[in-house]
Amino acid sequence: MLLIGAPASSETLFLMGILDIRKDAVYFDGSNTTNRILDVLKEKRPKIILLNEIDKMSRQFQNQLLGFMRSGRVDVE
């Protein structure tokens, strides 16, 4: 699911609400991603990935996340 809205239209609050009720979810802020995202994906193998600000995420992390969604494996380039 993709949420699009003007700044301050509560997309983040919506994602945090999902995180509160789904224990099989993980949340990442795309503007602050580091290699930690790969560690979390390997460790938790989440069913739901809540990603805020994907447009601010580096292309490398976008590609790694796409690979994870396709294969279920975390491949580091």
PDB file of N, CA and C in Angstrom:
ATOM      1  N   MET A   1       0.846  -1.155   0.000  1.00  0.00           N
ATOM      2  CA  MET A   1       0.000   0.000   0.000  1.00  0.00           C
ATOM      3  C   MET A   1       0.900   1.228   0.000  1.00  0.00           C
ATOM      4  N   LEU A   2       0.546   2.200  -0.775  1.00  0.00           N
ATOM      5  CA  LEU A   2       1.312   3.442  -0.859  1.00  0.00           C
ATOM      6  C   LEU A   2       0.453   4.582  -0.358  1.00  0.00           C
ATOM      7  N   LEU A   3       0.986   5.336   0.599  1.00  0.00           N
ATOM      8  CA  LEU A   3       0.294   6.514   1.111  1.00  0.00           C
ATOM      9  C   LEU A   3       0.972   7.752   0.554  1.00  0.00           C
ATOM     10  N   ILE A   4       0.186   8.627  -0.019  1.00  0.00           N
ATOM     11  CA  ILE A   4       0.715   9.884  -0.538  1.00  0.00           C
ATOM     12  C   ILE A   4      -0.126  11.007   0.039  1.00  0.00           C
ATOM     13  N   GLY A   5       0.555  12.040   0.514  1.00  0.00           N
ATOM     14  CA  GLY A   5      -0.179  13.175   1.059  1.00  0.00           C
ATOM     15  C   GLY A   5       0.722  14.370   1.218  1.00  0.00           C
ATOM     16  N   ALA A   6       0.100  15.490   1.383  1.00  0.00           N
ATOM     17  CA  ALA A   6       0.839  16.729   1.628  1.00  0.00           C
ATOM     18  C   ALA A   6       1.551  16.627   2.971  1.00  0.00           C
ATOM     19  N   PRO A   7       2.618  17.388   3.154  1.00  0.00           N
ATOM     20  CA  PRO A   7       3.282  17.395   4.460  1.00  0.00           C
ATOM     21  C   PRO A   7       2.266  17.654   5.578  1.00  0.00           C
ATOM     22  N   ALA A   8       2.469  16.973   6.684  1.00  0.00           N
ATOM     23  CA  ALA A   8       1.628  17.111   7.876  1.00  0.00           C
ATOM     24  C   ALA A   8       0.216  16.571   7.675  1.00  0.00           C
ATOM     25  N   SER A   9       0.061  15.579   6.789  1.00  0.00           N
ATOM     26  CA  SER A   9      -1.275  14.997   6.608  1.00  0.00           C
ATOM     27  C   SER A   9      -1.399  13.631   7.299  1.00  0.00           C
ATOM     28  N   SER A  10      -0.539  13.360   8.243  1.00  0.00           N
ATOM     29  CA  SER A  10      -0.626  12.226   9.172  1.00  0.00           C
ATOM     30  C   SER A  10      -0.256  10.868   8.607  1.00  0.00           C
ATOM     31  N   GLU A  11       0.495  10.801   7.521  1.00  0.00           N
ATOM     32  CA  GLU A  11       0.928   9.490   7.026  1.00  0.00           C
ATOM     33  C   GLU A  11       1.766   8.770   8.083  1.00  0.00           C
ATOM     34  N   THR A  12       2.666   9.483   8.731  1.00  0.00           N
ATOM     35  CA  THR A  12       3.528   8.876   9.743  1.00  0.00           C
ATOM     36  C   THR A  12       2.698   8.357  10.914  1.00  0.00           C
ATOM     37  N   LEU A  13       1.728   9.105  11.369  1.00  0.00           N
ATOM     38  CA  LEU A  13       0.868   8.653  12.468  1.00  0.00           C
ATOM     39  C   LEU A  13       0.108   7.392  12.082  1.00  0.00           C
ATOM     40  N   PHE A  14      -0.326   7.307  10.850  1.00  0.00           N
ATOM     41  CA  PHE A  14      -1.007   6.109  10.370  1.00  0.00           C
ATOM     42  C   PHE A  14      -0.077   4.900  10.445  1.00  0.00           C
ATOM     43  N   LEU A  15       1.171   5.067   9.970  1.00  0.00           N
ATOM     44  CA  LEU A  15       2.146   3.973  10.020  1.00  0.00           C
ATOM     45  C   LEU A  15       2.449   3.555  11.455  1.00  0.00           C
ATOM     46  N   MET A  16       2.579   4.534  12.335  1.00  0.00           N
ATOM     47  CA  MET A  16       2.875   4.212  13.730  1.00  0.00           C
ATOM     48  C   MET A  16       1.704   3.484  14.387  1.00  0.00           C
ATOM     49  N   GLY A  17       0.488   3.791  13.978  1.00  0.00           N
ATOM     50  CA  GLY A  17      -0.678   3.065  14.480  1.00  0.00           C
ATOM     51  C   GLY A  17      -0.643   1.602  14.067  1.00  0.00           C
ATOM     52  N   ILE A  18      -0.243   1.346  12.830  1.00  0.00           N
ATOM     53  CA  ILE A  18      -0.104  -0.042  12.372  1.00  0.00           C
ATOM     54  C   ILE A  18       0.971  -0.749  13.184  1.00  0.00           C
ATOM     55  N   LEU A  19       2.078  -0.071  13.401  1.00  0.00           N
ATOM     56  CA  LEU A  19       3.180  -0.664  14.172  1.00  0.00           C
ATOM     57  C   LEU A  19       2.735  -1.026  15.582  1.00  0.00           C
ATOM     58  N   ASP A  20       1.871  -0.222  16.163  1.00  0.00           N
ATOM     59  CA  ASP A  20       1.377  -0.496  17.522  1.00  0.00           C
ATOM     60  C   ASP A  20       0.543  -1.763  17.592  1.00  0.00           C
ATOM     61  N   ILE A  21      -0.188  -2.092  16.529  1.00  0.00           N
ATOM     62  CA  ILE A  21      -1.085  -3.246  16.599  1.00  0.00           C
ATOM     63  C   ILE A  21      -0.543  -4.494  15.909  1.00  0.00           C
ATOM     64  N   ARG A  22       0.483  -4.358  15.111  1.00  0.00           N
ATOM     65  CA  ARG A  22       1.053  -5.515  14.398  1.00  0.00           C
ATOM     66  C   ARG A  22       2.466  -5.784  14.887  1.00  0.00           C
ATOM     67  N   LYS A  23       2.656  -6.869  15.580  1.00  0.00           N
ATOM     68  CA  LYS A  23       3.977  -7.211  16.121  1.00  0.00           C
ATOM     69  C   LYS A  23       4.890  -7.817  15.060  1.00  0.00           C
ATOM     70  N   ASP A  24       4.339  -8.148  13.884  1.00  0.00           N
ATOM     71  CA  ASP A  24       5.143  -8.687  12.791  1.00  0.00           C
ATOM     72  C   ASP A  24       5.544  -7.597  11.799  1.00  0.00           C
ATOM     73  N   ALA A  25       5.507  -6.345  12.248  1.00  0.00           N
ATOM     74  CA  ALA A  25       5.850  -5.207  11.395  1.00  0.00           C
ATOM     75  C   ALA A  25       7.124  -4.532  11.909  1.00  0.00           C
ATOM     76  N   VAL A  26       7.855  -3.924  10.989  1.00  0.00           N
ATOM     77  CA  VAL A  26       9.000  -3.088  11.339  1.00  0.00           C
ATOM     78  C   VAL A  26       8.817  -1.743  10.640  1.00  0.00           C
ATOM     79  N   TYR A  27       9.360  -0.686  11.242  1.00  0.00           N
ATOM     80  CA  TYR A  27       9.236   0.671  10.722  1.00  0.00           C
ATOM     81  C   TYR A  27      10.615   1.238  10.445  1.00  0.00           C
ATOM     82  N   PHE A  28      10.749   1.882   9.303  1.00  0.00           N
ATOM     83  CA  PHE A  28      11.987   2.584   8.963  1.00  0.00           C
ATOM     84  C   PHE A  28      11.653   3.964   8.433  1.00  0.00           C
ATOM     85  N   ASP A  29      12.484   4.916   8.784  1.00  0.00           N
ATOM     86  CA  ASP A  29      12.385   6.265   8.216  1.00  0.00           C
ATOM     87  C   ASP A  29      13.428   6.339   7.112  1.00  0.00           C
ATOM     88  N   GLY A  30      12.995   6.440   5.872  1.00  0.00           N
ATOM     89  CA  GLY A  30      13.892   6.422   4.727  1.00  0.00           C
ATOM     90  C   GLY A  30      14.932   7.523   4.724  1.00  0.00           C
ATOM     91  N   SER A  31      14.660   8.614   5.415  1.00  0.00           N
ATOM     92  CA  SER A  31      15.640   9.700   5.437  1.00  0.00           C
ATOM     93  C   SER A  31      16.783   9.424   6.404  1.00  0.00           C
ATOM     94  N   ASN A  32      16.660   8.384   7.225  1.00  0.00           N
ATOM     95  CA  ASN A  32      17.698   8.060   8.215  1.00  0.00           C
ATOM     96  C   ASN A  32      18.144   6.610   8.142  1.00  0.00           C
ATOM     97  N   THR A  33      18.060   5.978   6.979  1.00  0.00           N
ATOM     98  CA  THR A  33      18.435   4.571   6.896  1.00  0.00           C
ATOM     99  C   THR A  33      19.945   4.399   6.917  1.00  0.00           C
ATOM    100  N   THR A  34      20.353   3.311   7.548  1.00  0.00           N
ATOM    101  CA  THR A  34      21.762   2.925   7.600  1.00  0.00           C
ATOM    102  C   THR A  34      21.796   1.420   7.334  1.00  0.00           C
ATOM    103  N   ASN A  35      22.935   0.821   7.505  1.00  0.00           N
ATOM    104  CA  ASN A  35      23.030  -0.635   7.329  1.00  0.00           C
ATOM    105  C   ASN A  35      22.163  -1.381   8.337  1.00  0.00           C
ATOM    106  N   ARG A  36      21.675  -0.686   9.351  1.00  0.00           N
ATOM    107  CA  ARG A  36      20.811  -1.305  10.354  1.00  0.00           C
ATOM    108  C   ARG A  36      19.581  -1.934   9.704  1.00  0.00           C
ATOM    109  N   ILE A  37      19.082  -1.355   8.637  1.00  0.00           N
ATOM    110  CA  ILE A  37      17.890  -1.891   7.975  1.00  0.00           C
ATOM    111  C   ILE A  37      18.134  -3.334   7.532  1.00  0.00           C
ATOM    112  N   LEU A  38      19.322  -3.624   7.034  1.00  0.00           N
ATOM    113  CA  LEU A  38      19.640  -4.985   6.596  1.00  0.00           C
ATOM    114  C   LEU A  38      19.687  -5.943   7.770  1.00  0.00           C
ATOM    115  N   ASP A  39      20.260  -5.499   8.879  1.00  0.00           N
ATOM    116  CA  ASP A  39      20.330  -6.340  10.071  1.00  0.00           C
ATOM    117  C   ASP A  39      18.934  -6.669  10.584  1.00  0.00           C
ATOM    118  N   VAL A  40      18.066  -5.670  10.612  1.00  0.00           N
ATOM    119  CA  VAL A  40      16.699  -5.883  11.102  1.00  0.00           C
ATOM    120  C   VAL A  40      15.946  -6.844  10.182  1.00  0.00           C
ATOM    121  N   LEU A  41      16.095  -6.678   8.869  1.00  0.00           N
ATOM    122  CA  LEU A  41      15.411  -7.564   7.932  1.00  0.00           C
ATOM    123  C   LEU A  41      15.895  -9.003   8.079  1.00  0.00           C
ATOM    124  N   LYS A  42      17.207  -9.186   8.272  1.00  0.00           N
ATOM    125  CA  LYS A  42      17.754 -10.538   8.458  1.00  0.00           C
ATOM    126  C   LYS A  42      17.259 -11.167   9.750  1.00  0.00           C
ATOM    127  N   GLU A  43      17.255 -10.370  10.810  1.00  0.00           N
ATOM    128  CA  GLU A  43      16.917 -10.887  12.135  1.00  0.00           C
ATOM    129  C   GLU A  43      15.416 -11.147  12.293  1.00  0.00           C
ATOM    130  N   LYS A  44      14.597 -10.186  11.931  1.00  0.00           N
ATOM    131  CA  LYS A  44      13.162 -10.283  12.218  1.00  0.00           C
ATOM    132  C   LYS A  44      12.342 -10.913  11.105  1.00  0.00           C
ATOM    133  N   ARG A  45      12.831 -10.864   9.854  1.00  0.00           N
ATOM    134  CA  ARG A  45      12.088 -11.407   8.716  1.00  0.00           C
ATOM    135  C   ARG A  45      10.626 -10.976   8.775  1.00  0.00           C
ATOM    136  N   PRO A  46      10.390  -9.664   8.768  1.00  0.00           N
ATOM    137  CA  PRO A  46       9.035  -9.146   8.985  1.00  0.00           C
ATOM    138  C   PRO A  46       8.077  -9.477   7.850  1.00  0.00           C
ATOM    139  N   LYS A  47       6.809  -9.579   8.206  1.00  0.00           N
ATOM    140  CA  LYS A  47       5.764  -9.757   7.206  1.00  0.00           C
ATOM    141  C   LYS A  47       5.311  -8.404   6.662  1.00  0.00           C
ATOM    142  N   ILE A  48       5.456  -7.373   7.484  1.00  0.00           N
ATOM    143  CA  ILE A  48       5.042  -6.030   7.094  1.00  0.00           C
ATOM    144  C   ILE A  48       6.221  -5.078   7.296  1.00  0.00           C
ATOM    145  N   ILE A  49       6.543  -4.328   6.255  1.00  0.00           N
ATOM    146  CA  ILE A  49       7.590  -3.306   6.332  1.00  0.00           C
ATOM    147  C   ILE A  49       6.909  -1.962   6.149  1.00  0.00           C
ATOM    148  N   LEU A  50       7.008  -1.127   7.169  1.00  0.00           N
ATOM    149  CA  LEU A  50       6.449   0.219   7.120  1.00  0.00           C
ATOM    150  C   LEU A  50       7.602   1.167   6.833  1.00  0.00           C
ATOM    151  N   LEU A  51       7.565   1.801   5.694  1.00  0.00           N
ATOM    152  CA  LEU A  51       8.683   2.630   5.261  1.00  0.00           C
ATOM    153  C   LEU A  51       8.184   4.036   4.985  1.00  0.00           C
ATOM    154  N   ASN A  52       8.697   4.970   5.736  1.00  0.00           N
ATOM    155  CA  ASN A  52       8.319   6.368   5.591  1.00  0.00           C
ATOM    156  C   ASN A  52       9.428   7.106   4.838  1.00  0.00           C
ATOM    157  N   GLU A  53       9.053   8.025   3.972  1.00  0.00           N
ATOM    158  CA  GLU A  53      10.017   8.853   3.238  1.00  0.00           C
ATOM    159  C   GLU A  53      10.929   8.036   2.320  1.00  0.00           C
ATOM    160  N   ILE A  54      10.364   7.113   1.565  1.00  0.00           N
ATOM    161  CA  ILE A  54      11.181   6.272   0.683  1.00  0.00           C
ATOM    162  C   ILE A  54      11.922   7.102  -0.360  1.00  0.00           C
ATOM    163  N   ASP A  55      11.375   8.241  -0.719  1.00  0.00           N
ATOM    164  CA  ASP A  55      12.032   9.089  -1.713  1.00  0.00           C
ATOM    165  C   ASP A  55      13.344   9.669  -1.200  1.00  0.00           C
ATOM    166  N   LYS A  56      13.555   9.651   0.107  1.00  0.00           N
ATOM    167  CA  LYS A  56      14.800  10.156   0.692  1.00  0.00           C
ATOM    168  C   LYS A  56      15.808   9.041   0.967  1.00  0.00           C
ATOM    169  N   MET A  57      15.408   7.806   0.702  1.00  0.00           N
ATOM    170  CA  MET A  57      16.276   6.652   0.921  1.00  0.00           C
ATOM    171  C   MET A  57      17.266   6.529  -0.235  1.00  0.00           C
ATOM    172  N   SER A  58      18.485   6.121   0.062  1.00  0.00           N
ATOM    173  CA  SER A  58      19.490   5.970  -0.989  1.00  0.00           C
ATOM    174  C   SER A  58      19.066   4.882  -1.972  1.00  0.00           C
ATOM    175  N   ARG A  59      19.513   4.995  -3.192  1.00  0.00           N
ATOM    176  CA  ARG A  59      19.187   4.023  -4.238  1.00  0.00           C
ATOM    177  C   ARG A  59      19.667   2.632  -3.833  1.00  0.00           C
ATOM    178  N   GLN A  60      20.820   2.555  -3.169  1.00  0.00           N
ATOM    179  CA  GLN A  60      21.362   1.265  -2.724  1.00  0.00           C
ATOM    180  C   GLN A  60      20.372   0.564  -1.793  1.00  0.00           C
ATOM    181  N   PHE A  61      19.846   1.285  -0.805  1.00  0.00           N
ATOM    182  CA  PHE A  61      18.910   0.676   0.133  1.00  0.00           C
ATOM    183  C   PHE A  61      17.583   0.357  -0.548  1.00  0.00           C
ATOM    184  N   GLN A  62      17.160   1.183  -1.477  1.00  0.00           N
ATOM    185  CA  GLN A  62      15.929   0.881  -2.221  1.00  0.00           C
ATOM    186  C   GLN A  62      16.083  -0.439  -2.972  1.00  0.00           C
ATOM    187  N   ASN A  63      17.225  -0.621  -3.615  1.00  0.00           N
ATOM    188  CA  ASN A  63      17.472  -1.857  -4.365  1.00  0.00           C
ATOM    189  C   ASN A  63      17.547  -3.078  -3.442  1.00  0.00           C
ATOM    190  N   GLN A  64      18.191  -2.928  -2.293  1.00  0.00           N
ATOM    191  CA  GLN A  64      18.287  -4.035  -1.345  1.00  0.00           C
ATOM    192  C   GLN A  64      16.910  -4.399  -0.799  1.00  0.00           C
ATOM    193  N   LEU A  65      16.088  -3.400  -0.531  1.00  0.00           N
ATOM    194  CA  LEU A  65      14.745  -3.655  -0.047  1.00  0.00           C
ATOM    195  C   LEU A  65      13.907  -4.343  -1.115  1.00  0.00           C
ATOM    196  N   LEU A  66      14.032  -3.907  -2.345  1.00  0.00           N
ATOM    197  CA  LEU A  66      13.310  -4.541  -3.448  1.00  0.00           C
ATOM    198  C   LEU A  66      13.736  -6.005  -3.597  1.00  0.00           C
ATOM    199  N   GLY A  67      15.040  -6.255  -3.502  1.00  0.00           N
ATOM    200  CA  GLY A  67      15.533  -7.632  -3.575  1.00  0.00           C
ATOM    201  C   GLY A  67      14.974  -8.490  -2.451  1.00  0.00           C
ATOM    202  N   PHE A  68      14.887  -7.930  -1.250  1.00  0.00           N
ATOM    203  CA  PHE A  68      14.323  -8.658  -0.111  1.00  0.00           C
ATOM    204  C   PHE A  68      12.858  -9.003  -0.369  1.00  0.00           C
ATOM    205  N   MET A  69      12.106  -8.047  -0.894  1.00  0.00           N
ATOM    206  CA  MET A  69      10.686  -8.289  -1.145  1.00  0.00           C
ATOM    207  C   MET A  69      10.486  -9.342  -2.237  1.00  0.00           C
ATOM    208  N   ARG A  70      11.376  -9.379  -3.207  1.00  0.00           N
ATOM    209  CA  ARG A  70      11.247 -10.355  -4.294  1.00  0.00           C
ATOM    210  C   ARG A  70      11.632 -11.767  -3.850  1.00  0.00           C
ATOM    211  N   SER A  71      12.740 -11.867  -3.124  1.00  0.00           N
ATOM    212  CA  SER A  71      13.303 -13.190  -2.836  1.00  0.00           C
ATOM    213  C   SER A  71      13.157 -13.640  -1.391  1.00  0.00           C
ATOM    214  N   GLY A  72      12.955 -12.696  -0.481  1.00  0.00           N
ATOM    215  CA  GLY A  72      12.937 -13.043   0.931  1.00  0.00           C
ATOM    216  C   GLY A  72      14.333 -13.130   1.526  1.00  0.00           C
ATOM    217  N   ARG A  73      15.361 -12.837   0.686  1.00  0.00           N
ATOM    218  CA  ARG A  73      16.749 -12.863   1.146  1.00  0.00           C
ATOM    219  C   ARG A  73      17.311 -11.445   1.138  1.00  0.00           C
ATOM    220  N   VAL A  74      18.200 -11.186   2.069  1.00  0.00           N
ATOM    221  CA  VAL A  74      18.889  -9.897   2.123  1.00  0.00           C
ATOM    222  C   VAL A  74      20.244 -10.104   1.476  1.00  0.00           C
ATOM    223  N   ASP A  75      20.445  -9.497   0.313  1.00  0.00           N
ATOM    224  CA  ASP A  75      21.707  -9.598  -0.405  1.00  0.00           C
ATOM    225  C   ASP A  75      22.418  -8.260  -0.340  1.00  0.00           C
ATOM    226  N   VAL A  76      23.633  -8.262   0.177  1.00  0.00           N
ATOM    227  CA  VAL A  76      24.420  -7.031   0.282  1.00  0.00           C
ATOM    228  C   VAL A  76      25.339  -6.978  -0.918  1.00  0.00           C
ATOM    229  N   GLU A  77      25.292  -5.867  -1.640  1.00  0.00           N
ATOM    230  CA  GLU A  77      26.142  -5.702  -2.827  1.00  0.00           C
ATOM    231  C   GLU A  77      27.480  -5.133  -2.456  1.00  0.00           C
TER     232      GLU A  77
END
